[in-house]
C-alpha cells in the first residue's frame, strides 16, 4: 500500500466513525438517506423508492479492471455492486441489478468480510457501486473490518442523486468520489430517471464532494488515493444536456477535475421502446462535446466513437 493510510483511520481512532455509524443507522428508522426522503422504517421491513430493507444486498464482489485507469492500477478496483438503486433510469445497462433486484441479502459482518477479501486479493481500493441506500451498512461494516487490518481507500461510485446531509456523514470516510452528472435539465431527469429534482441535488452533491476531497491525487504508481472523478454519459439527441453540464462544472466546481465523457450509450431496458433514445449516439453528436471537454481544460478521458 506504499505507506498509504486512508482518512477514515483518524475517524476510527478518535471514536468519530462509531458516532457517525450510530447516527446513520438511526436514519433507517425513518429513511432520509437520498433526496426521495421516503421516511419508511427499513429496519422493520418497510421499503421505499429504493426497495431496500435493513440488510445490505449485493449482486457481485470482484476485482474489476474496466474502471478509469487510476482506479484500476495493477490489482484492479475491488467492486462491490449493490442491489437496487434510488433512480429508475430507463436506459440502465445494469437494470437486472438496479431495477429487477438481482442480488442477495447479507449481514454487515459478511459485507465486512468482502472488504477484507478484496484487500487480500490485491485490489487497489474498495469501490461501492450504487451505495447511497446502504450508507449505514457500509459504515458499520467498516468499523468491523478495520480491527481486522482493512486499510484500502474507499470509492463512492454513485448516480450523483445525493443529499448533502448524507455526504456530510461521509466526510473523511471516503477518499475518492466517483459520481455521475447525468442531466442538466430536470424535465429530462424526470422522464428518463424518475427524479424531478435531480439537477439541484446532483450539483450540490458535486460541490460537497469536491469540498471534501478536491482534485484527483495519485501515488507514484499513478493509482488514485484521493479526489473527485466525474462521469457523464452522452445520450442521443443531447437529451442529457452535456454541454451545459460541462460548462457548469468548469465554472462552479473546477476546470482541473477529472471528467470521463462517455460515448458508450446503447439502448437497454425500457429505452428500446422509446424512439428518441433507441439508438447509439453518432460521431457528429459526440465529437463536438469531446472538443469542448478538451477546450475547458478538464483532465480525464474521452472514448472512441465510430
Protein backbone atom coordinates (compact mmCIF):
# COMPACT_ATOMS: atom_id res chain seq x y z
CA UNK A 1 0.00 0.00 0.00
CA UNK A 2 3.06 2.30 -0.18
CA UNK A 3 2.56 3.53 3.41
CA UNK A 4 -0.89 4.84 2.50
CA UNK A 5 -3.24 5.46 5.40
CA UNK A 6 -6.86 6.25 4.49
CA UNK A 7 -8.60 9.20 6.07
CA UNK A 8 -11.09 7.00 7.91
CA UNK A 9 -8.37 5.75 10.25
CA UNK A 10 -8.28 9.06 12.10
CA UNK A 11 -12.06 8.95 12.48
CA UNK A 12 -11.90 5.38 13.74
CA UNK A 13 -9.17 6.05 16.28
CA UNK A 14 -10.97 9.13 17.66
CA UNK A 15 -14.32 7.32 18.00
CA UNK A 16 -15.91 9.67 15.47
CA UNK A 17 -16.53 6.84 12.99
CA UNK A 18 -18.53 4.91 15.61
CA UNK A 19 -20.60 8.00 16.37
CA UNK A 20 -21.39 8.65 12.73
CA UNK A 21 -22.22 4.99 12.18
CA UNK A 22 -24.75 5.09 15.01
CA UNK A 23 -26.33 8.28 13.70
CA UNK A 24 -26.54 6.90 10.17
CA UNK A 25 -28.07 3.64 11.39
CA UNK A 26 -30.80 5.58 13.17
CA UNK A 27 -31.77 7.13 9.82
CA UNK A 28 -33.01 3.70 8.69
CA UNK A 29 -35.93 4.01 11.11
CA UNK A 30 -37.31 6.87 9.01
CA UNK A 31 -35.15 6.80 5.94
CA UNK A 32 -33.94 10.12 4.52
CA UNK A 33 -30.65 8.93 3.04
CA UNK A 34 -31.45 10.04 -0.51
CA UNK A 35 -33.41 13.01 -1.89
CA UNK A 36 -36.61 10.97 -2.07
CA UNK A 37 -36.76 11.11 1.76
CA UNK A 38 -39.33 8.29 1.86
CA UNK A 39 -39.47 8.22 5.66
CA UNK A 40 -40.06 4.46 5.80
CA UNK A 41 -38.81 2.27 8.65
CA UNK A 42 -36.43 -0.01 6.80
CA UNK A 43 -35.41 -1.78 10.00
CA UNK A 44 -38.97 -3.07 10.40
CA UNK A 45 -39.19 -4.23 6.77
CA UNK A 46 -40.76 -1.21 5.11
CA UNK A 47 -39.48 -0.37 1.63
CA UNK A 48 -39.29 2.99 -0.11
CA UNK A 49 -38.22 4.07 -3.59
CA UNK A 50 -35.00 2.05 -3.42
CA UNK A 51 -36.92 -1.12 -2.48
CA UNK A 52 -34.27 -1.98 0.14
CA UNK A 53 -34.58 -3.08 3.75
CA UNK A 54 -32.25 -3.05 6.70
CA UNK A 55 -29.76 -5.61 5.44
CA UNK A 56 -27.36 -4.83 2.60
CA UNK A 57 -27.98 -6.62 -0.69
CA UNK A 58 -25.06 -7.36 -3.02
CA UNK A 59 -25.08 -8.51 -6.61
CA UNK A 60 -21.36 -9.11 -7.03
CA UNK A 61 -17.98 -8.66 -5.35
CA UNK A 62 -14.98 -8.87 -7.67
CA UNK A 63 -11.75 -7.28 -8.82
CA UNK A 64 -12.76 -5.08 -11.76
CA UNK A 65 -10.39 -3.87 -14.48
CA UNK A 66 -12.78 -1.78 -16.56
CA UNK A 67 -12.83 1.37 -14.44
CA UNK A 68 -10.82 4.54 -15.08
CA UNK A 69 -7.06 3.75 -15.08
CA UNK A 70 -6.21 5.46 -11.73
CA UNK A 71 -8.78 3.25 -10.01
CA UNK A 72 -7.57 0.01 -11.57
CA UNK A 73 -3.81 0.15 -11.05
CA UNK A 74 -2.24 -3.31 -11.03
CA UNK A 75 -4.65 -5.18 -8.76
CA UNK A 76 -7.96 -3.87 -10.09
CA UNK A 77 -10.72 -1.97 -8.38
CA UNK A 78 -12.45 -4.10 -5.76
CA UNK A 79 -16.03 -3.60 -6.82
CA UNK A 80 -19.00 -4.33 -4.54
CA UNK A 81 -22.10 -3.94 -6.67
CA UNK A 82 -25.15 -3.24 -4.51
CA UNK A 83 -28.63 -4.34 -5.50
CA UNK A 84 -31.35 -1.75 -6.23
CA UNK A 85 -30.99 1.98 -6.85
CA UNK A 86 -32.51 5.31 -5.86
CA UNK A 87 -33.16 6.14 -9.54
CA UNK A 88 -35.21 4.44 -12.25
CA UNK A 89 -33.15 5.07 -15.37
CA UNK A 90 -34.99 3.74 -18.40
CA UNK A 91 -31.68 3.08 -20.18
CA UNK A 92 -29.81 1.41 -17.32
CA UNK A 93 -27.32 -1.10 -18.68
CA UNK A 94 -27.33 -2.93 -15.34
CA UNK A 95 -31.11 -2.97 -14.97
CA UNK A 96 -31.37 -6.58 -13.72
CA UNK A 97 -29.42 -5.42 -10.65
CA UNK A 98 -30.64 -1.84 -10.26
CA UNK A 99 -34.30 -2.32 -11.22
CA UNK A 100 -35.07 -6.05 -11.00
CA UNK A 101 -33.38 -6.66 -7.67
CA UNK A 102 -30.88 -9.32 -8.73
CA UNK A 103 -28.58 -10.00 -5.81
CA UNK A 104 -28.52 -11.49 -2.34
CA UNK A 105 -29.04 -10.07 1.13
CA UNK A 106 -26.13 -10.36 3.50
CA UNK A 107 -25.21 -9.33 7.02
CA UNK A 108 -22.94 -6.39 7.78
CA UNK A 109 -20.43 -8.95 9.06
CA UNK A 110 -20.45 -10.64 5.66
CA UNK A 111 -20.10 -7.24 3.98
CA UNK A 112 -17.04 -6.51 6.14
CA UNK A 113 -15.66 -9.87 5.04
CA UNK A 114 -15.95 -8.75 1.42
CA UNK A 115 -13.78 -5.72 2.19
CA UNK A 116 -11.08 -7.99 3.59
CA UNK A 117 -11.37 -10.49 0.74
CA UNK A 118 -10.85 -7.78 -1.87
CA UNK A 119 -7.87 -6.43 0.06
CA UNK A 120 -6.44 -9.95 0.27
CA UNK A 121 -6.75 -10.31 -3.50
CA UNK A 122 -4.54 -7.26 -4.01
CA UNK A 123 -7.22 -4.79 -5.11
CA UNK A 124 -6.26 -1.11 -5.10
CA UNK A 125 -9.48 0.06 -3.40
CA UNK A 126 -12.99 -0.98 -2.49
CA UNK A 127 -15.42 0.53 -4.96
CA UNK A 128 -19.05 0.68 -3.83
CA UNK A 129 -21.41 0.84 -6.82
CA UNK A 130 -24.80 2.48 -6.05
CA UNK A 131 -24.01 2.82 -2.33
CA UNK A 132 -26.40 5.60 -1.30
CA UNK A 133 -29.21 3.45 0.11
CA UNK A 134 -26.70 1.33 2.09
CA UNK A 135 -24.54 4.05 3.65
CA UNK A 136 -25.29 3.00 7.27
CA UNK A 137 -24.49 -0.64 6.50
CA UNK A 138 -21.22 0.33 4.79
CA UNK A 139 -20.16 2.37 7.81
CA UNK A 140 -20.99 -0.41 10.24
CA UNK A 141 -19.10 -2.95 8.11
CA UNK A 142 -16.11 -0.60 8.00
CA UNK A 143 -15.98 -0.43 11.81
CA UNK A 144 -15.81 -4.25 11.81
CA UNK A 145 -13.20 -4.55 9.06
CA UNK A 146 -10.68 -2.01 10.39
CA UNK A 147 -9.72 -4.05 13.52
CA UNK A 148 -9.06 -6.98 11.16
CA UNK A 149 -6.47 -4.95 9.27
CA UNK A 150 -8.51 -3.34 6.50
CA UNK A 151 -6.75 -0.26 5.07
CA UNK A 152 -7.81 0.21 1.43
CA UNK A 153 -9.15 3.55 0.14
CA UNK A 154 -12.91 3.65 -0.43
CA UNK A 155 -14.60 4.75 -3.66
CA UNK A 156 -18.16 6.15 -3.60
CA UNK A 157 -19.44 5.22 -7.08
CA UNK A 158 -22.83 6.90 -7.40
CA UNK A 159 -25.52 8.14 -9.76
CA UNK A 160 -24.98 11.55 -8.22
CA UNK A 161 -28.52 11.74 -6.82
CA UNK A 162 -27.45 12.53 -3.29
CA UNK A 163 -28.38 14.55 -0.23
CA UNK A 164 -25.62 16.81 1.04
CA UNK A 165 -26.64 15.83 4.59
CA UNK A 166 -25.75 12.19 3.83
CA UNK A 167 -22.47 13.15 2.19
CA UNK A 168 -21.52 15.17 5.27
CA UNK A 169 -21.69 11.95 7.29
CA UNK A 170 -19.09 10.53 4.89
CA UNK A 171 -16.63 13.43 5.14
CA UNK A 172 -13.27 11.84 5.89
CA UNK A 173 -14.60 8.31 5.30
CA UNK A 174 -14.38 8.23 1.51
CA UNK A 175 -11.19 9.48 -0.08
CA UNK A 176 -12.45 9.05 -3.65
CA UNK A 177 -15.79 10.14 -5.06
CA UNK A 178 -16.95 8.82 -8.45
CA UNK A 179 -20.34 10.44 -9.19
CA UNK A 180 -22.33 10.78 -12.37
CA UNK A 181 -23.60 14.08 -13.64
CA UNK A 182 -26.49 12.68 -15.64
CA UNK A 183 -28.57 15.72 -16.62
CA UNK A 184 -28.65 19.50 -16.75
CA UNK A 185 -32.45 19.60 -17.16
CA UNK A 186 -34.95 18.28 -14.62
CA UNK A 187 -37.57 17.50 -17.27
CA UNK A 188 -35.17 15.02 -18.83
CA UNK A 189 -34.22 13.71 -15.39
CA UNK A 190 -37.87 13.05 -14.60
CA UNK A 191 -38.62 11.45 -17.94
CA UNK A 192 -35.62 9.15 -18.06
CA UNK A 193 -34.70 8.59 -14.40
CA UNK A 194 -37.79 9.41 -12.34
CA UNK A 195 -36.16 12.28 -10.41
CA UNK A 196 -37.76 15.70 -10.93
CA UNK A 197 -35.18 17.36 -8.64
CA UNK A 198 -32.05 15.64 -9.93
CA UNK A 199 -30.16 18.70 -11.14
CA UNK A 200 -30.18 20.72 -7.92
CA UNK A 201 -29.32 17.73 -5.73
CA UNK A 202 -26.64 16.50 -8.12
CA UNK A 203 -24.93 19.87 -8.41
CA UNK A 204 -24.98 20.45 -4.67
CA UNK A 205 -23.56 16.95 -4.19
CA UNK A 206 -20.68 17.52 -6.62
CA UNK A 207 -19.76 20.74 -4.85
CA UNK A 208 -19.77 18.96 -1.49
CA UNK A 209 -17.71 16.06 -2.80
CA UNK A 210 -15.15 18.47 -4.25
CA UNK A 211 -15.04 20.36 -0.96
CA UNK A 212 -14.22 17.13 0.83
CA UNK A 213 -11.61 15.59 -1.46
CA UNK A 214 -10.54 18.13 -4.13
CA UNK A 215 -8.84 17.26 -7.40
CA UNK A 216 -7.55 13.76 -8.05
CA UNK A 217 -4.30 12.80 -6.32
CA UNK A 218 -2.37 9.66 -7.27
CA UNK A 219 0.60 7.84 -5.78
CA UNK A 220 3.90 7.25 -7.55
CA UNK A 221 2.31 4.34 -9.46
CA UNK A 222 -0.47 6.54 -10.83
CA UNK A 223 -3.08 4.92 -8.57
CA UNK A 224 -5.79 7.17 -7.14
CA UNK A 225 -5.57 7.89 -3.44
CA UNK A 226 -7.87 10.88 -3.07
CA UNK A 227 -10.06 13.15 -5.16
CA UNK A 228 -13.06 13.56 -7.43
CA UNK A 229 -13.73 11.86 -10.77
CA UNK A 230 -16.99 12.75 -12.53
CA UNK A 231 -18.65 10.58 -15.15
CA UNK A 232 -21.07 11.78 -17.80
CA UNK A 233 -22.89 9.55 -20.30
CA UNK A 234 -23.79 11.33 -23.53
CA UNK A 235 -27.36 10.50 -24.63
CA UNK A 236 -28.78 10.62 -28.15
CA UNK A 237 -30.09 13.99 -29.25
CA UNK A 238 -28.27 15.80 -26.41
CA UNK A 239 -31.02 14.62 -24.04
CA UNK A 240 -28.52 14.67 -21.15
CA UNK A 241 -27.65 18.34 -21.66
CA UNK A 242 -23.95 17.55 -21.86
CA UNK A 243 -22.79 20.99 -22.94
CA UNK A 244 -24.49 22.71 -20.02
CA UNK A 245 -23.09 20.18 -17.54
CA UNK A 246 -19.53 20.60 -18.81
CA UNK A 247 -19.77 24.38 -18.67
CA UNK A 248 -21.27 24.29 -15.17
CA UNK A 249 -18.52 22.00 -13.83
CA UNK A 250 -15.81 24.18 -15.32
CA UNK A 251 -17.35 27.33 -13.87
CA UNK A 252 -18.64 26.16 -10.49
CA UNK A 253 -16.53 23.14 -9.48
CA UNK A 254 -13.10 23.35 -11.15
CA UNK A 255 -11.63 23.04 -14.65
CA UNK A 256 -8.94 20.86 -13.05
CA UNK A 257 -11.21 17.96 -12.14
CA UNK A 258 -11.12 14.63 -13.95
CA UNK A 259 -14.17 14.11 -16.16
CA UNK A 260 -14.91 10.88 -18.03
CA UNK A 261 -17.02 11.79 -21.08
CA UNK A 262 -18.59 8.51 -22.13
CA UNK A 263 -19.77 7.61 -25.63
CA UNK A 264 -20.78 4.05 -24.70
CA UNK A 265 -24.54 4.56 -24.57
CA UNK A 266 -26.67 1.86 -26.13
CA UNK A 267 -30.41 1.33 -25.77
CA UNK A 268 -31.14 -1.10 -22.95
CA UNK A 269 -34.09 -1.89 -20.69
CA UNK A 270 -37.06 0.41 -21.43
CA UNK A 271 -35.06 2.62 -23.81
CA UNK A 272 -35.57 0.05 -26.55
CA UNK A 273 -39.20 1.14 -26.67
CA UNK A 274 -38.51 4.89 -26.66
CA UNK A 275 -37.92 6.13 -30.19
CA UNK A 276 -35.87 9.21 -29.31
CA UNK A 277 -33.23 7.25 -27.39
CA UNK A 278 -33.48 3.85 -29.09
CA UNK A 279 -30.15 4.24 -30.88
CA UNK A 280 -26.47 4.76 -30.20
CA UNK A 281 -25.06 8.26 -30.31
CA UNK A 282 -23.42 9.48 -33.51
CA UNK A 283 -19.90 10.91 -34.01
CA UNK A 284 -21.46 14.22 -35.06
CA UNK A 285 -23.09 14.39 -31.61
CA UNK A 286 -20.11 13.26 -29.52
CA UNK A 287 -17.08 14.83 -31.17
CA UNK A 288 -18.04 18.50 -30.56
CA UNK A 289 -18.63 17.64 -26.91
CA UNK A 290 -15.24 15.95 -26.71
CA UNK A 291 -13.70 19.13 -28.16
CA UNK A 292 -15.50 21.20 -25.53
CA UNK A 293 -14.21 18.85 -22.81
CA UNK A 294 -10.67 19.49 -24.06
CA UNK A 295 -11.09 23.23 -24.54
CA UNK A 296 -12.34 23.68 -20.98
CA UNK A 297 -9.13 22.13 -19.69
CA UNK A 298 -10.53 19.09 -17.88
CA UNK A 299 -8.29 16.17 -17.10
CA UNK A 300 -9.93 12.81 -17.63
CA UNK A 301 -10.97 10.69 -20.54
CA UNK A 302 -12.92 10.68 -23.77
CA UNK A 303 -13.93 7.50 -25.56
CA UNK A 304 -13.62 6.45 -29.20
CA UNK A 305 -16.77 6.57 -31.31
CA UNK A 306 -17.42 5.11 -34.73
